[in-house]
Amino acid sequence: MIISCMTCIFFTYLLIYSILLVTMGNFDESNSKENFNVSTANIIKKINVYIFILDAVTIATPFLYWFFIYVEKDLDYGVKKFIKYFIIIIIHIVHLSFEGLIIWKLVLSYNIKKGDITWFMRMDYTFIFLNFFYILYIVLLSSIYFEESGRNIETIKEIKLISFNGIEINEYALPKNFMKWGKKERKKFVLNNYTNYTYNFT
C-alpha cells in the first residue's frame, strides 16, 4: 500500500512534468541568449521526450514489486531469483540515469537561458529532489528483498549407495562425511551394513 502511495505521488508529478516539458518547456527568443547553440537546445528537447520512458518504468514499479518480486521471495533461487535481481537493477539504473540526465539538462539550460531561471528549470529542480527520495525509497524496498530472498531455501548434500557387488539396490543414505573417509574405512562401512540394503527382484 505504501509503495503504491509513494509511486502515485511521484508519478502524478512526473506525468505533469513530462507533458509540460514536451508541449511548453522549450527555449525560445524570449528566454534564451542571442545566438544560442541550437544543438544544445535540441539535446534538451530530446531529454524532455525521454522522460516518458521514466513514466513507464515508474508506473510499472509497484506492479513488479507486489505481483512478482515480493511474491514468495523467501523461496526464490536459481533463474527466478536472477530475473528478479535483474529487474530491480534495471529499475535503479533507469532512475539514476534520469537523475543524471536532468542535472546535465540544467547545466545545458544555464548556458542558454537569459535572465532568471525559467519555470521548467524550476520543475527540473523539483524532479531532482523527488526522484532522489524515490530512489532512496526503492533502494529500501530492494534491500528488503535482497535480505529475505531465498531465506527458506536450504541446500542439502546427500551421498547414497545405489549398488552393492554389482547389484542395483534401493538408494541407501551414507554418512555426510563418507567421501572424506579412507578407501578401507568406506569399504568396511559398506560391508558392515549390507543387511540393511534392499533391492527389487525383476
N, C-alpha and C. Protein backbone atom coordinates (compact mmCIF):
# COMPACT_ATOMS: atom_id res chain seq x y z
N MET A 1 0.83 -1.20 0.00
CA MET A 1 0.00 0.00 0.00
C MET A 1 0.87 1.26 0.00
N ILE A 2 1.92 1.24 0.83
CA ILE A 2 2.80 2.41 0.94
C ILE A 2 3.50 2.66 -0.39
N ILE A 3 4.00 1.57 -0.99
CA ILE A 3 4.71 1.74 -2.28
C ILE A 3 3.78 2.31 -3.33
N SER A 4 2.50 1.93 -3.30
CA SER A 4 1.54 2.45 -4.27
C SER A 4 1.32 3.94 -4.06
N CYS A 5 1.20 4.38 -2.80
CA CYS A 5 1.01 5.80 -2.50
C CYS A 5 2.22 6.61 -2.91
N MET A 6 3.41 6.12 -2.57
CA MET A 6 4.64 6.81 -2.93
C MET A 6 4.75 6.94 -4.45
N THR A 7 4.43 5.86 -5.14
CA THR A 7 4.51 5.87 -6.60
C THR A 7 3.48 6.82 -7.19
N CYS A 8 2.27 6.85 -6.62
CA CYS A 8 1.22 7.74 -7.14
C CYS A 8 1.63 9.20 -7.02
N ILE A 9 2.19 9.57 -5.88
CA ILE A 9 2.62 10.96 -5.67
C ILE A 9 3.71 11.32 -6.68
N PHE A 10 4.71 10.46 -6.77
CA PHE A 10 5.83 10.74 -7.67
C PHE A 10 5.38 10.70 -9.13
N PHE A 11 4.56 9.70 -9.47
CA PHE A 11 4.13 9.54 -10.86
C PHE A 11 3.23 10.70 -11.31
N THR A 12 2.37 11.18 -10.41
CA THR A 12 1.49 12.31 -10.76
C THR A 12 2.31 13.52 -11.16
N TYR A 13 3.33 13.83 -10.32
CA TYR A 13 4.19 14.96 -10.67
C TYR A 13 4.96 14.67 -11.96
N LEU A 14 5.47 13.46 -12.07
CA LEU A 14 6.30 13.09 -13.22
C LEU A 14 5.52 13.19 -14.53
N LEU A 15 4.27 12.76 -14.52
CA LEU A 15 3.45 12.80 -15.73
C LEU A 15 3.17 14.25 -16.15
N ILE A 16 2.78 15.08 -15.17
CA ILE A 16 2.54 16.50 -15.46
C ILE A 16 3.82 17.16 -15.97
N TYR A 17 4.90 16.84 -15.30
CA TYR A 17 6.23 17.39 -15.65
C TYR A 17 6.62 17.03 -17.08
N SER A 18 6.48 15.76 -17.44
CA SER A 18 6.90 15.32 -18.77
C SER A 18 6.01 15.90 -19.87
N ILE A 19 4.70 16.00 -19.62
CA ILE A 19 3.78 16.56 -20.62
C ILE A 19 4.07 18.04 -20.84
N LEU A 20 4.25 18.79 -19.74
CA LEU A 20 4.52 20.22 -19.85
C LEU A 20 5.84 20.50 -20.55
N LEU A 21 6.84 19.67 -20.27
CA LEU A 21 8.14 19.88 -20.89
C LEU A 21 8.07 19.70 -22.41
N VAL A 22 7.35 18.68 -22.85
CA VAL A 22 7.25 18.39 -24.28
C VAL A 22 6.40 19.44 -24.99
N THR A 23 5.33 19.89 -24.34
CA THR A 23 4.41 20.81 -25.01
C THR A 23 4.80 22.28 -24.87
N MET A 24 5.43 22.63 -23.71
CA MET A 24 5.67 24.05 -23.45
C MET A 24 7.09 24.39 -22.99
N GLY A 25 7.82 23.39 -22.53
CA GLY A 25 9.10 23.68 -21.88
C GLY A 25 10.30 23.77 -22.80
N ASN A 26 10.27 24.69 -23.73
CA ASN A 26 11.39 24.84 -24.66
C ASN A 26 11.92 26.27 -24.64
N PHE A 27 13.17 26.39 -24.99
CA PHE A 27 13.78 27.71 -25.08
C PHE A 27 13.37 28.38 -26.39
N ASP A 28 13.11 29.67 -26.29
CA ASP A 28 12.81 30.46 -27.49
C ASP A 28 13.49 31.83 -27.36
N GLU A 29 13.14 32.75 -28.21
CA GLU A 29 13.79 34.06 -28.21
C GLU A 29 13.55 34.84 -26.93
N SER A 30 12.45 34.57 -26.26
CA SER A 30 12.10 35.33 -25.06
C SER A 30 12.89 34.92 -23.82
N ASN A 31 13.38 33.69 -23.79
CA ASN A 31 14.06 33.22 -22.58
C ASN A 31 15.48 32.71 -22.83
N SER A 32 16.02 32.97 -23.99
CA SER A 32 17.37 32.47 -24.31
C SER A 32 18.27 33.59 -24.81
N LYS A 33 19.56 33.33 -24.70
CA LYS A 33 20.54 34.31 -25.14
C LYS A 33 20.52 34.43 -26.66
N GLU A 34 21.05 35.54 -27.14
CA GLU A 34 21.16 35.71 -28.59
C GLU A 34 22.20 34.74 -29.14
N ASN A 35 21.92 34.22 -30.31
CA ASN A 35 22.84 33.29 -30.99
C ASN A 35 23.18 32.08 -30.12
N PHE A 36 22.17 31.57 -29.38
CA PHE A 36 22.42 30.39 -28.54
C PHE A 36 22.65 29.15 -29.43
N ASN A 37 23.31 28.18 -28.84
CA ASN A 37 23.66 26.97 -29.57
C ASN A 37 22.39 26.13 -29.80
N VAL A 38 21.99 26.00 -31.04
CA VAL A 38 20.77 25.26 -31.38
C VAL A 38 20.90 23.78 -31.05
N SER A 39 22.08 23.23 -31.26
CA SER A 39 22.28 21.80 -30.98
C SER A 39 22.09 21.51 -29.49
N THR A 40 22.49 22.45 -28.63
CA THR A 40 22.29 22.29 -27.19
C THR A 40 20.80 22.28 -26.86
N ALA A 41 20.05 23.18 -27.49
CA ALA A 41 18.60 23.23 -27.28
C ALA A 41 17.93 21.95 -27.77
N ASN A 42 18.44 21.38 -28.84
CA ASN A 42 17.89 20.12 -29.37
C ASN A 42 18.13 18.96 -28.41
N ILE A 43 19.31 18.97 -27.77
CA ILE A 43 19.61 17.92 -26.77
C ILE A 43 18.61 18.01 -25.63
N ILE A 44 18.32 19.22 -25.19
CA ILE A 44 17.35 19.42 -24.11
C ILE A 44 15.98 18.90 -24.51
N LYS A 45 15.57 19.17 -25.75
CA LYS A 45 14.28 18.68 -26.24
C LYS A 45 14.23 17.15 -26.23
N LYS A 46 15.32 16.51 -26.64
CA LYS A 46 15.37 15.04 -26.66
C LYS A 46 15.25 14.47 -25.24
N ILE A 47 15.95 15.10 -24.30
CA ILE A 47 15.87 14.65 -22.90
C ILE A 47 14.43 14.76 -22.40
N ASN A 48 13.76 15.84 -22.77
CA ASN A 48 12.36 16.02 -22.36
C ASN A 48 11.47 14.88 -22.84
N VAL A 49 11.71 14.44 -24.08
CA VAL A 49 10.93 13.33 -24.64
C VAL A 49 11.26 12.01 -23.94
N TYR A 50 12.55 11.81 -23.62
CA TYR A 50 12.98 10.57 -22.99
C TYR A 50 12.34 10.36 -21.61
N ILE A 51 11.88 11.42 -20.99
CA ILE A 51 11.30 11.30 -19.65
C ILE A 51 10.07 10.40 -19.65
N PHE A 52 9.42 10.25 -20.81
CA PHE A 52 8.27 9.34 -20.88
C PHE A 52 8.69 7.88 -20.62
N ILE A 53 9.95 7.57 -20.86
CA ILE A 53 10.46 6.23 -20.51
C ILE A 53 10.39 6.03 -19.00
N LEU A 54 10.79 7.07 -18.27
CA LEU A 54 10.73 7.01 -16.81
C LEU A 54 9.28 6.91 -16.33
N ASP A 55 8.37 7.57 -17.03
CA ASP A 55 6.94 7.45 -16.70
C ASP A 55 6.51 5.98 -16.72
N ALA A 56 6.90 5.28 -17.79
CA ALA A 56 6.51 3.87 -17.95
C ALA A 56 7.12 3.00 -16.86
N VAL A 57 8.39 3.22 -16.56
CA VAL A 57 9.08 2.43 -15.53
C VAL A 57 8.45 2.69 -14.16
N THR A 58 8.14 3.95 -13.89
CA THR A 58 7.58 4.31 -12.58
C THR A 58 6.21 3.70 -12.35
N ILE A 59 5.35 3.73 -13.37
CA ILE A 59 4.01 3.15 -13.20
C ILE A 59 4.07 1.63 -13.11
N ALA A 60 5.09 1.03 -13.71
CA ALA A 60 5.23 -0.44 -13.66
C ALA A 60 5.85 -0.92 -12.35
N THR A 61 6.59 -0.05 -11.66
CA THR A 61 7.33 -0.45 -10.47
C THR A 61 6.48 -1.11 -9.39
N PRO A 62 5.35 -0.50 -8.93
CA PRO A 62 4.58 -1.16 -7.86
C PRO A 62 4.02 -2.51 -8.27
N PHE A 63 3.63 -2.64 -9.54
CA PHE A 63 3.11 -3.93 -10.01
C PHE A 63 4.20 -4.99 -10.02
N LEU A 64 5.39 -4.60 -10.45
CA LEU A 64 6.52 -5.54 -10.47
C LEU A 64 6.89 -5.98 -9.06
N TYR A 65 6.91 -5.04 -8.12
CA TYR A 65 7.29 -5.39 -6.74
C TYR A 65 6.23 -6.24 -6.07
N TRP A 66 4.97 -5.85 -6.16
CA TRP A 66 3.94 -6.55 -5.40
C TRP A 66 3.50 -7.86 -6.05
N PHE A 67 3.47 -7.90 -7.38
CA PHE A 67 2.92 -9.09 -8.05
C PHE A 67 3.98 -10.02 -8.63
N PHE A 68 5.26 -9.66 -8.50
CA PHE A 68 6.31 -10.55 -8.99
C PHE A 68 7.50 -10.64 -8.04
N ILE A 69 8.12 -9.53 -7.75
CA ILE A 69 9.36 -9.55 -6.96
C ILE A 69 9.12 -10.02 -5.53
N TYR A 70 8.07 -9.51 -4.88
CA TYR A 70 7.83 -9.86 -3.47
C TYR A 70 7.06 -11.18 -3.29
N VAL A 71 6.55 -11.75 -4.38
CA VAL A 71 5.76 -12.98 -4.27
C VAL A 71 6.70 -14.16 -3.95
N GLU A 72 6.45 -14.79 -2.80
CA GLU A 72 7.23 -15.96 -2.36
C GLU A 72 8.73 -15.69 -2.44
N LYS A 73 9.14 -14.49 -2.02
CA LYS A 73 10.55 -14.11 -2.11
C LYS A 73 11.46 -14.99 -1.26
N ASP A 74 10.92 -15.55 -0.17
CA ASP A 74 11.74 -16.39 0.70
C ASP A 74 12.03 -17.76 0.08
N LEU A 75 11.38 -18.06 -1.07
CA LEU A 75 11.62 -19.34 -1.75
C LEU A 75 12.35 -19.16 -3.08
N ASP A 76 12.83 -17.94 -3.34
CA ASP A 76 13.49 -17.66 -4.61
C ASP A 76 14.88 -18.28 -4.70
N TYR A 77 15.16 -18.85 -5.84
CA TYR A 77 16.50 -19.36 -6.11
C TYR A 77 16.65 -19.56 -7.62
N GLY A 78 17.85 -19.73 -8.07
CA GLY A 78 18.11 -20.04 -9.47
C GLY A 78 17.71 -18.94 -10.43
N VAL A 79 17.14 -19.33 -11.57
CA VAL A 79 16.80 -18.41 -12.65
C VAL A 79 15.78 -17.37 -12.19
N LYS A 80 14.80 -17.78 -11.41
CA LYS A 80 13.77 -16.86 -10.94
C LYS A 80 14.39 -15.74 -10.11
N LYS A 81 15.30 -16.10 -9.25
CA LYS A 81 15.96 -15.10 -8.41
C LYS A 81 16.81 -14.16 -9.27
N PHE A 82 17.48 -14.72 -10.27
CA PHE A 82 18.31 -13.91 -11.17
C PHE A 82 17.44 -12.90 -11.93
N ILE A 83 16.27 -13.33 -12.42
CA ILE A 83 15.37 -12.44 -13.15
C ILE A 83 14.90 -11.29 -12.26
N LYS A 84 14.55 -11.60 -11.01
CA LYS A 84 14.10 -10.56 -10.09
C LYS A 84 15.23 -9.57 -9.79
N TYR A 85 16.44 -10.08 -9.58
CA TYR A 85 17.60 -9.21 -9.35
C TYR A 85 17.81 -8.30 -10.57
N PHE A 86 17.67 -8.87 -11.76
CA PHE A 86 17.89 -8.11 -12.99
C PHE A 86 16.87 -6.97 -13.11
N ILE A 87 15.59 -7.27 -12.83
CA ILE A 87 14.54 -6.25 -12.91
C ILE A 87 14.80 -5.12 -11.92
N ILE A 88 15.17 -5.48 -10.69
CA ILE A 88 15.46 -4.47 -9.66
C ILE A 88 16.61 -3.57 -10.10
N ILE A 89 17.66 -4.16 -10.63
CA ILE A 89 18.82 -3.39 -11.07
C ILE A 89 18.44 -2.45 -12.20
N ILE A 90 17.61 -2.92 -13.14
CA ILE A 90 17.18 -2.07 -14.26
C ILE A 90 16.38 -0.87 -13.75
N ILE A 91 15.48 -1.11 -12.81
CA ILE A 91 14.69 -0.02 -12.23
C ILE A 91 15.60 1.03 -11.61
N HIS A 92 16.59 0.58 -10.87
CA HIS A 92 17.53 1.51 -10.22
C HIS A 92 18.35 2.27 -11.26
N ILE A 93 18.81 1.56 -12.27
CA ILE A 93 19.63 2.21 -13.30
C ILE A 93 18.84 3.30 -14.02
N VAL A 94 17.57 3.00 -14.34
CA VAL A 94 16.73 3.98 -15.05
C VAL A 94 16.58 5.25 -14.22
N HIS A 95 16.25 5.10 -12.93
CA HIS A 95 16.06 6.28 -12.08
C HIS A 95 17.36 7.06 -11.89
N LEU A 96 18.45 6.36 -11.68
CA LEU A 96 19.74 7.03 -11.52
C LEU A 96 20.15 7.73 -12.81
N SER A 97 19.88 7.10 -13.94
CA SER A 97 20.23 7.69 -15.24
C SER A 97 19.49 9.00 -15.47
N PHE A 98 18.19 9.01 -15.12
CA PHE A 98 17.42 10.23 -15.33
C PHE A 98 17.79 11.31 -14.32
N GLU A 99 18.22 10.91 -13.15
CA GLU A 99 18.73 11.90 -12.20
C GLU A 99 19.93 12.62 -12.81
N GLY A 100 20.82 11.84 -13.41
CA GLY A 100 21.99 12.41 -14.08
C GLY A 100 21.63 13.22 -15.31
N LEU A 101 20.65 12.72 -16.10
CA LEU A 101 20.24 13.42 -17.31
C LEU A 101 19.66 14.80 -17.02
N ILE A 102 18.82 14.88 -15.99
CA ILE A 102 18.18 16.17 -15.68
C ILE A 102 19.21 17.14 -15.10
N ILE A 103 20.16 16.64 -14.34
CA ILE A 103 21.25 17.51 -13.86
C ILE A 103 22.03 18.05 -15.05
N TRP A 104 22.33 17.18 -16.00
CA TRP A 104 23.04 17.61 -17.21
C TRP A 104 22.19 18.61 -18.00
N LYS A 105 20.89 18.35 -18.06
CA LYS A 105 19.97 19.25 -18.76
C LYS A 105 20.00 20.65 -18.14
N LEU A 106 20.05 20.72 -16.80
CA LEU A 106 20.12 22.01 -16.12
C LEU A 106 21.42 22.75 -16.46
N VAL A 107 22.51 21.98 -16.51
CA VAL A 107 23.80 22.58 -16.88
C VAL A 107 23.71 23.19 -18.28
N LEU A 108 23.11 22.46 -19.21
CA LEU A 108 22.93 22.96 -20.57
C LEU A 108 21.99 24.17 -20.60
N SER A 109 20.96 24.12 -19.77
CA SER A 109 19.98 25.21 -19.75
C SER A 109 20.61 26.52 -19.28
N TYR A 110 21.52 26.43 -18.32
CA TYR A 110 22.19 27.63 -17.82
C TYR A 110 23.07 28.26 -18.90
N ASN A 111 23.49 27.46 -19.86
CA ASN A 111 24.29 28.01 -20.97
C ASN A 111 23.43 28.72 -22.01
N ILE A 112 22.11 28.48 -21.94
CA ILE A 112 21.20 29.06 -22.94
C ILE A 112 20.34 30.18 -22.37
N LYS A 113 19.88 30.00 -21.14
CA LYS A 113 18.86 30.89 -20.58
C LYS A 113 19.31 32.35 -20.54
N LYS A 114 18.32 33.21 -20.55
CA LYS A 114 18.55 34.64 -20.42
C LYS A 114 17.75 35.13 -19.23
N GLY A 115 18.40 35.86 -18.31
CA GLY A 115 17.72 36.36 -17.13
C GLY A 115 17.53 35.29 -16.07
N ASP A 116 16.41 35.37 -15.35
CA ASP A 116 16.12 34.42 -14.27
C ASP A 116 15.86 33.02 -14.83
N ILE A 117 15.93 32.03 -13.94
CA ILE A 117 15.67 30.66 -14.37
C ILE A 117 14.22 30.53 -14.78
N THR A 118 13.97 29.69 -15.76
CA THR A 118 12.62 29.52 -16.31
C THR A 118 11.79 28.61 -15.41
N TRP A 119 10.47 28.60 -15.65
CA TRP A 119 9.58 27.75 -14.86
C TRP A 119 9.91 26.28 -15.04
N PHE A 120 10.33 25.89 -16.25
CA PHE A 120 10.61 24.46 -16.45
C PHE A 120 11.95 24.07 -15.83
N MET A 121 12.84 25.02 -15.63
CA MET A 121 14.07 24.72 -14.89
C MET A 121 13.76 24.51 -13.41
N ARG A 122 12.79 25.26 -12.90
CA ARG A 122 12.35 25.05 -11.50
C ARG A 122 11.73 23.66 -11.36
N MET A 123 11.00 23.24 -12.37
CA MET A 123 10.42 21.89 -12.35
C MET A 123 11.52 20.83 -12.40
N ASP A 124 12.60 21.13 -13.12
CA ASP A 124 13.75 20.21 -13.15
C ASP A 124 14.32 20.02 -11.75
N TYR A 125 14.47 21.13 -11.02
CA TYR A 125 14.99 21.05 -9.65
C TYR A 125 14.06 20.23 -8.76
N THR A 126 12.76 20.45 -8.93
CA THR A 126 11.78 19.67 -8.13
C THR A 126 11.87 18.19 -8.47
N PHE A 127 12.03 17.89 -9.75
CA PHE A 127 12.17 16.49 -10.16
C PHE A 127 13.39 15.85 -9.51
N ILE A 128 14.52 16.54 -9.55
CA ILE A 128 15.75 16.00 -8.96
C ILE A 128 15.54 15.68 -7.49
N PHE A 129 14.85 16.57 -6.79
CA PHE A 129 14.55 16.37 -5.37
C PHE A 129 13.64 15.15 -5.15
N LEU A 130 12.52 15.10 -5.87
CA LEU A 130 11.58 13.99 -5.71
C LEU A 130 12.17 12.66 -6.15
N ASN A 131 12.85 12.66 -7.28
CA ASN A 131 13.43 11.43 -7.80
C ASN A 131 14.50 10.89 -6.86
N PHE A 132 15.26 11.79 -6.23
CA PHE A 132 16.30 11.36 -5.28
C PHE A 132 15.67 10.58 -4.12
N PHE A 133 14.58 11.12 -3.57
CA PHE A 133 13.93 10.44 -2.45
C PHE A 133 13.21 9.18 -2.90
N TYR A 134 12.73 9.17 -4.14
CA TYR A 134 12.11 7.94 -4.66
C TYR A 134 13.17 6.85 -4.85
N ILE A 135 14.37 7.26 -5.28
CA ILE A 135 15.47 6.30 -5.40
C ILE A 135 15.80 5.69 -4.05
N LEU A 136 15.87 6.55 -3.01
CA LEU A 136 16.13 6.04 -1.65
C LEU A 136 15.04 5.06 -1.24
N TYR A 137 13.81 5.35 -1.63
CA TYR A 137 12.68 4.50 -1.27
C TYR A 137 12.78 3.13 -1.94
N ILE A 138 13.06 3.11 -3.24
CA ILE A 138 13.14 1.82 -3.91
C ILE A 138 14.40 1.05 -3.50
N VAL A 139 15.45 1.78 -3.10
CA VAL A 139 16.64 1.11 -2.56
C VAL A 139 16.27 0.37 -1.27
N LEU A 140 15.44 1.01 -0.42
CA LEU A 140 14.98 0.37 0.81
C LEU A 140 14.16 -0.87 0.49
N LEU A 141 13.23 -0.76 -0.46
CA LEU A 141 12.41 -1.91 -0.84
C LEU A 141 13.27 -3.04 -1.39
N SER A 142 14.24 -2.67 -2.20
CA SER A 142 15.11 -3.68 -2.81
C SER A 142 15.99 -4.36 -1.77
N SER A 143 16.47 -3.59 -0.80
CA SER A 143 17.33 -4.18 0.23
C SER A 143 16.55 -5.19 1.07
N ILE A 144 15.25 -4.93 1.27
CA ILE A 144 14.40 -5.89 1.98
C ILE A 144 14.31 -7.19 1.19
N TYR A 145 14.15 -7.05 -0.14
CA TYR A 145 14.09 -8.26 -0.98
C TYR A 145 15.43 -9.00 -0.94
N PHE A 146 16.54 -8.27 -1.10
CA PHE A 146 17.85 -8.91 -1.12
C PHE A 146 18.12 -9.66 0.19
N GLU A 147 17.64 -9.11 1.29
CA GLU A 147 17.85 -9.73 2.59
C GLU A 147 17.00 -10.98 2.79
N GLU A 148 15.76 -10.95 2.27
CA GLU A 148 14.82 -12.03 2.55
C GLU A 148 14.70 -13.06 1.44
N SER A 149 15.22 -12.75 0.25
CA SER A 149 15.06 -13.69 -0.86
C SER A 149 15.82 -14.99 -0.60
N GLY A 150 15.11 -16.08 -0.78
CA GLY A 150 15.73 -17.39 -0.64
C GLY A 150 16.07 -17.81 0.77
N ARG A 151 15.55 -17.11 1.78
CA ARG A 151 15.94 -17.44 3.16
C ARG A 151 15.39 -18.80 3.62
N ASN A 152 14.33 -19.29 2.97
CA ASN A 152 13.76 -20.59 3.33
C ASN A 152 14.26 -21.72 2.42
N ILE A 153 15.24 -21.38 1.58
CA ILE A 153 15.84 -22.40 0.72
C ILE A 153 17.06 -22.98 1.41
N GLU A 154 17.11 -24.29 1.52
CA GLU A 154 18.25 -24.96 2.16
C GLU A 154 18.83 -25.99 1.20
N THR A 155 20.12 -25.92 1.02
CA THR A 155 20.80 -26.88 0.15
C THR A 155 21.32 -28.03 1.00
N ILE A 156 20.89 -29.23 0.65
CA ILE A 156 21.30 -30.43 1.40
C ILE A 156 22.06 -31.36 0.47
N LYS A 157 23.24 -31.73 0.88
CA LYS A 157 24.05 -32.65 0.08
C LYS A 157 23.93 -34.05 0.69
N GLU A 158 23.50 -35.00 -0.14
CA GLU A 158 23.35 -36.38 0.32
C GLU A 158 24.19 -37.33 -0.54
N ILE A 159 24.77 -38.31 0.12
CA ILE A 159 25.53 -39.34 -0.58
C ILE A 159 24.79 -40.66 -0.40
N LYS A 160 24.48 -41.32 -1.52
CA LYS A 160 23.69 -42.55 -1.43
C LYS A 160 24.36 -43.68 -2.20
N LEU A 161 24.23 -44.87 -1.65
CA LEU A 161 24.73 -46.08 -2.30
C LEU A 161 23.62 -46.63 -3.17
N ILE A 162 23.93 -46.86 -4.46
CA ILE A 162 22.88 -47.32 -5.38
C ILE A 162 23.13 -48.74 -5.89
N SER A 163 24.31 -49.30 -5.59
CA SER A 163 24.55 -50.71 -5.98
C SER A 163 25.54 -51.34 -5.01
N PHE A 164 25.44 -52.66 -4.87
CA PHE A 164 26.33 -53.41 -3.97
C PHE A 164 26.73 -54.71 -4.67
N ASN A 165 28.05 -54.87 -4.85
CA ASN A 165 28.59 -56.04 -5.56
C ASN A 165 27.97 -56.20 -6.94
N GLY A 166 27.77 -55.07 -7.62
CA GLY A 166 27.24 -55.09 -8.98
C GLY A 166 25.75 -55.26 -9.06
N ILE A 167 25.06 -55.32 -7.90
CA ILE A 167 23.60 -55.48 -7.90
C ILE A 167 22.97 -54.14 -7.54
N GLU A 168 22.03 -53.70 -8.37
CA GLU A 168 21.36 -52.43 -8.11
C GLU A 168 20.46 -52.56 -6.89
N ILE A 169 20.58 -51.61 -5.96
CA ILE A 169 19.79 -51.64 -4.73
C ILE A 169 18.99 -50.35 -4.61
N ASN A 170 18.02 -50.37 -3.71
CA ASN A 170 17.30 -49.12 -3.40
C ASN A 170 18.28 -48.16 -2.73
N GLU A 171 18.14 -46.89 -3.02
CA GLU A 171 19.11 -45.91 -2.51
C GLU A 171 19.26 -46.02 -1.00
N TYR A 172 20.52 -46.09 -0.57
CA TYR A 172 20.84 -46.20 0.86
C TYR A 172 21.69 -45.00 1.24
N ALA A 173 21.18 -44.21 2.20
CA ALA A 173 21.87 -42.97 2.60
C ALA A 173 23.16 -43.29 3.35
N LEU A 174 24.23 -42.67 2.94
CA LEU A 174 25.54 -42.82 3.58
C LEU A 174 25.82 -41.58 4.43
N PRO A 175 26.73 -41.68 5.39
CA PRO A 175 27.09 -40.52 6.23
C PRO A 175 27.57 -39.34 5.38
N LYS A 176 27.32 -38.11 5.84
CA LYS A 176 27.68 -36.92 5.08
C LYS A 176 29.17 -36.82 4.81
N ASN A 177 29.97 -37.30 5.73
CA ASN A 177 31.43 -37.21 5.56
C ASN A 177 32.03 -38.49 4.98
N PHE A 178 31.17 -39.30 4.34
CA PHE A 178 31.60 -40.59 3.81
C PHE A 178 32.77 -40.45 2.83
N MET A 179 32.69 -39.44 1.95
CA MET A 179 33.72 -39.29 0.93
C MET A 179 35.06 -38.83 1.50
N LYS A 180 35.06 -38.37 2.73
CA LYS A 180 36.30 -37.94 3.36
C LYS A 180 37.05 -39.10 4.03
N TRP A 181 36.37 -40.22 4.17
CA TRP A 181 36.99 -41.38 4.77
C TRP A 181 38.00 -42.01 3.80
N GLY A 182 38.87 -42.81 4.34
CA GLY A 182 39.79 -43.57 3.51
C GLY A 182 39.07 -44.70 2.80
N LYS A 183 39.72 -45.27 1.78
CA LYS A 183 39.08 -46.32 0.98
C LYS A 183 38.72 -47.54 1.82
N LYS A 184 39.60 -47.95 2.70
CA LYS A 184 39.36 -49.12 3.55
C LYS A 184 38.20 -48.87 4.50
N GLU A 185 38.16 -47.65 5.05
CA GLU A 185 37.10 -47.31 6.00
C GLU A 185 35.74 -47.28 5.31
N ARG A 186 35.69 -46.76 4.08
CA ARG A 186 34.45 -46.75 3.33
C ARG A 186 33.98 -48.16 3.01
N LYS A 187 34.93 -49.00 2.59
CA LYS A 187 34.61 -50.38 2.24
C LYS A 187 34.09 -51.14 3.45
N LYS A 188 34.72 -50.90 4.61
CA LYS A 188 34.31 -51.57 5.83
C LYS A 188 32.89 -51.18 6.22
N PHE A 189 32.57 -49.90 6.09
CA PHE A 189 31.23 -49.42 6.44
C PHE A 189 30.18 -50.05 5.53
N VAL A 190 30.45 -50.09 4.23
CA VAL A 190 29.51 -50.65 3.26
C VAL A 190 29.26 -52.13 3.55
N LEU A 191 30.32 -52.87 3.86
CA LEU A 191 30.19 -54.30 4.14
C LEU A 191 29.45 -54.57 5.44
N ASN A 192 29.72 -53.75 6.46
CA ASN A 192 29.09 -53.95 7.77
C ASN A 192 27.60 -53.67 7.76
N ASN A 193 27.15 -52.90 6.76
CA ASN A 193 25.74 -52.52 6.72
C ASN A 193 24.97 -53.22 5.60
N TYR A 194 25.54 -54.27 5.02
CA TYR A 194 24.92 -54.88 3.84
C TYR A 194 23.54 -55.47 4.15
N THR A 195 23.30 -55.82 5.42
CA THR A 195 21.99 -56.40 5.76
C THR A 195 20.87 -55.36 5.70
N ASN A 196 21.27 -54.09 5.66
CA ASN A 196 20.27 -53.01 5.62
C ASN A 196 19.86 -52.65 4.19
N TYR A 197 20.54 -53.24 3.21
CA TYR A 197 20.25 -52.89 1.82
C TYR A 197 19.04 -53.68 1.33
N THR A 198 18.24 -53.04 0.49
CA THR A 198 17.10 -53.72 -0.11
C THR A 198 17.17 -53.55 -1.62
N TYR A 199 16.66 -54.52 -2.34
CA TYR A 199 16.65 -54.42 -3.79
C TYR A 199 15.40 -55.13 -4.31
N ASN A 200 15.05 -54.78 -5.51
CA ASN A 200 13.85 -55.32 -6.12
C ASN A 200 14.22 -56.42 -7.12
N PHE A 201 13.55 -57.57 -6.98
CA PHE A 201 13.74 -58.63 -7.96
C PHE A 201 13.01 -58.29 -9.25
N THR A 202 13.63 -58.60 -10.36
CA THR A 202 12.97 -58.39 -11.66
C THR A 202 12.89 -59.74 -12.39
